[in-house]
Amino acid sequence: MKFIEIKLPKCTLFLLPDELNRLLQQDPDLFAKGIKRGKGILRARQAMERNCKHTSKEAR
């Protein structure tokens, strides 16, 4: 089984994907917020990777 680790200030949760999915289905707004936030974070990471590659090519 693959657990999802969620670190909180005073504890660490380990949930199965199905359990987390059920929790998020109870609050669709939270689910949408998480998806939107995730897309933004992934785009920012990709942009940083592109910048690093571009910068390292210029340094050569």
N, C-alpha and C. Protein backbone atom coordinates (compact mmCIF):
# COMPACT_ATOMS: atom_id res chain seq x y z
N MET A 1 0.83 -1.19 0.00
CA MET A 1 0.00 0.00 0.00
C MET A 1 0.87 1.25 0.00
N LYS A 2 0.43 2.23 -0.72
CA LYS A 2 1.17 3.48 -0.79
C LYS A 2 0.43 4.55 0.01
N PHE A 3 1.10 5.09 1.01
CA PHE A 3 0.51 6.11 1.86
C PHE A 3 0.94 7.49 1.41
N ILE A 4 0.08 8.47 1.68
CA ILE A 4 0.40 9.87 1.44
C ILE A 4 0.73 10.47 2.79
N GLU A 5 1.91 11.06 2.89
CA GLU A 5 2.36 11.65 4.15
C GLU A 5 2.02 13.14 4.15
N ILE A 6 1.33 13.57 5.18
CA ILE A 6 0.94 14.98 5.32
C ILE A 6 1.49 15.48 6.64
N LYS A 7 2.44 16.42 6.56
CA LYS A 7 3.05 16.94 7.78
C LYS A 7 2.29 18.18 8.24
N LEU A 8 1.85 18.13 9.48
CA LEU A 8 1.15 19.24 10.13
C LEU A 8 2.01 19.72 11.29
N PRO A 9 1.72 20.90 11.84
CA PRO A 9 2.58 21.43 12.91
C PRO A 9 2.80 20.49 14.09
N LYS A 10 1.78 19.78 14.54
CA LYS A 10 1.95 18.96 15.73
C LYS A 10 1.85 17.46 15.47
N CYS A 11 1.68 17.07 14.21
CA CYS A 11 1.58 15.64 13.91
C CYS A 11 1.83 15.39 12.43
N THR A 12 1.96 14.14 12.09
CA THR A 12 2.11 13.72 10.70
C THR A 12 1.03 12.69 10.41
N LEU A 13 0.27 12.93 9.35
CA LEU A 13 -0.80 12.02 8.95
C LEU A 13 -0.29 11.10 7.84
N PHE A 14 -0.76 9.87 7.86
CA PHE A 14 -0.50 8.93 6.77
C PHE A 14 -1.85 8.41 6.31
N LEU A 15 -2.25 8.82 5.12
CA LEU A 15 -3.55 8.42 4.58
C LEU A 15 -3.35 7.66 3.28
N LEU A 16 -4.27 6.76 3.01
CA LEU A 16 -4.30 6.10 1.71
C LEU A 16 -4.92 7.07 0.70
N PRO A 17 -4.58 6.95 -0.56
CA PRO A 17 -5.16 7.86 -1.56
C PRO A 17 -6.69 7.88 -1.53
N ASP A 18 -7.32 6.73 -1.36
CA ASP A 18 -8.79 6.68 -1.31
C ASP A 18 -9.34 7.45 -0.12
N GLU A 19 -8.66 7.35 1.02
CA GLU A 19 -9.10 8.07 2.22
C GLU A 19 -9.01 9.58 2.01
N LEU A 20 -7.92 10.02 1.44
CA LEU A 20 -7.76 11.46 1.17
C LEU A 20 -8.79 11.93 0.15
N ASN A 21 -9.04 11.12 -0.85
CA ASN A 21 -10.03 11.45 -1.87
C ASN A 21 -11.42 11.61 -1.25
N ARG A 22 -11.78 10.70 -0.35
CA ARG A 22 -13.09 10.80 0.33
C ARG A 22 -13.19 12.07 1.16
N LEU A 23 -12.12 12.43 1.85
CA LEU A 23 -12.13 13.66 2.64
C LEU A 23 -12.32 14.89 1.74
N LEU A 24 -11.62 14.91 0.63
CA LEU A 24 -11.71 16.06 -0.28
C LEU A 24 -13.06 16.14 -0.98
N GLN A 25 -13.70 15.01 -1.21
CA GLN A 25 -15.01 15.01 -1.85
C GLN A 25 -16.07 15.64 -0.95
N GLN A 26 -15.83 15.63 0.35
CA GLN A 26 -16.79 16.23 1.28
C GLN A 26 -16.75 17.75 1.22
N ASP A 27 -15.66 18.32 0.70
CA ASP A 27 -15.53 19.77 0.58
C ASP A 27 -14.99 20.10 -0.82
N PRO A 28 -15.88 20.19 -1.82
CA PRO A 28 -15.45 20.42 -3.20
C PRO A 28 -14.65 21.72 -3.39
N ASP A 29 -14.95 22.75 -2.59
CA ASP A 29 -14.20 24.00 -2.71
C ASP A 29 -12.73 23.80 -2.32
N LEU A 30 -12.51 23.03 -1.27
CA LEU A 30 -11.15 22.74 -0.84
C LEU A 30 -10.42 21.93 -1.91
N PHE A 31 -11.12 20.98 -2.51
CA PHE A 31 -10.56 20.16 -3.59
C PHE A 31 -10.13 21.06 -4.75
N ALA A 32 -10.99 21.99 -5.15
CA ALA A 32 -10.69 22.91 -6.25
C ALA A 32 -9.50 23.81 -5.90
N LYS A 33 -9.47 24.29 -4.65
CA LYS A 33 -8.35 25.14 -4.20
C LYS A 33 -7.03 24.38 -4.29
N GLY A 34 -7.05 23.13 -3.85
CA GLY A 34 -5.84 22.31 -3.88
C GLY A 34 -5.36 22.06 -5.30
N ILE A 35 -6.28 21.81 -6.21
CA ILE A 35 -5.91 21.59 -7.61
C ILE A 35 -5.30 22.86 -8.19
N LYS A 36 -5.94 23.99 -7.95
CA LYS A 36 -5.45 25.27 -8.47
C LYS A 36 -4.06 25.58 -7.91
N ARG A 37 -3.88 25.38 -6.62
CA ARG A 37 -2.59 25.63 -5.97
C ARG A 37 -1.53 24.69 -6.54
N GLY A 38 -1.90 23.43 -6.75
CA GLY A 38 -0.96 22.46 -7.30
C GLY A 38 -0.51 22.83 -8.70
N LYS A 39 -1.43 23.29 -9.52
CA LYS A 39 -1.07 23.70 -10.88
C LYS A 39 -0.10 24.87 -10.84
N GLY A 40 -0.35 25.82 -9.96
CA GLY A 40 0.53 26.98 -9.83
C GLY A 40 1.93 26.59 -9.38
N ILE A 41 2.00 25.69 -8.41
CA ILE A 41 3.30 25.24 -7.90
C ILE A 41 4.06 24.49 -8.98
N LEU A 42 3.39 23.60 -9.71
CA LEU A 42 4.05 22.85 -10.77
C LEU A 42 4.54 23.77 -11.89
N ARG A 43 3.74 24.77 -12.26
CA ARG A 43 4.17 25.73 -13.28
C ARG A 43 5.39 26.51 -12.81
N ALA A 44 5.40 26.92 -11.55
CA ALA A 44 6.54 27.67 -11.01
C ALA A 44 7.81 26.82 -11.03
N ARG A 45 7.68 25.55 -10.67
CA ARG A 45 8.84 24.64 -10.70
C ARG A 45 9.39 24.50 -12.11
N GLN A 46 8.48 24.33 -13.08
CA GLN A 46 8.91 24.18 -14.47
C GLN A 46 9.61 25.44 -14.95
N ALA A 47 9.09 26.60 -14.57
CA ALA A 47 9.71 27.86 -14.97
C ALA A 47 11.10 27.99 -14.36
N MET A 48 11.25 27.59 -13.10
CA MET A 48 12.57 27.65 -12.46
C MET A 48 13.55 26.71 -13.14
N GLU A 49 13.09 25.52 -13.52
CA GLU A 49 13.95 24.57 -14.22
C GLU A 49 14.39 25.13 -15.56
N ARG A 50 13.46 25.75 -16.28
CA ARG A 50 13.81 26.36 -17.57
C ARG A 50 14.83 27.48 -17.36
N ASN A 51 14.63 28.30 -16.34
CA ASN A 51 15.56 29.39 -16.05
C ASN A 51 16.94 28.85 -15.71
N CYS A 52 17.00 27.81 -14.91
CA CYS A 52 18.29 27.22 -14.53
C CYS A 52 19.01 26.67 -15.76
N LYS A 53 18.29 25.98 -16.62
CA LYS A 53 18.89 25.43 -17.83
C LYS A 53 19.38 26.55 -18.74
N HIS A 54 18.56 27.59 -18.88
CA HIS A 54 18.91 28.72 -19.74
C HIS A 54 20.13 29.45 -19.18
N THR A 55 20.17 29.64 -17.89
CA THR A 55 21.27 30.33 -17.24
C THR A 55 22.56 29.52 -17.35
N SER A 56 22.48 28.21 -17.17
CA SER A 56 23.68 27.38 -17.23
C SER A 56 24.22 27.32 -18.66
N LYS A 57 23.37 27.40 -19.67
CA LYS A 57 23.84 27.42 -21.06
C LYS A 57 24.56 28.72 -21.36
N GLU A 58 24.09 29.84 -20.80
CA GLU A 58 24.73 31.12 -21.03
C GLU A 58 26.09 31.19 -20.35
N ALA A 59 26.26 30.51 -19.24
CA ALA A 59 27.50 30.56 -18.48
C ALA A 59 28.64 29.83 -19.20
N ARG A 60 28.30 28.97 -20.13
CA ARG A 60 29.34 28.20 -20.85
C ARG A 60 30.10 29.02 -21.79
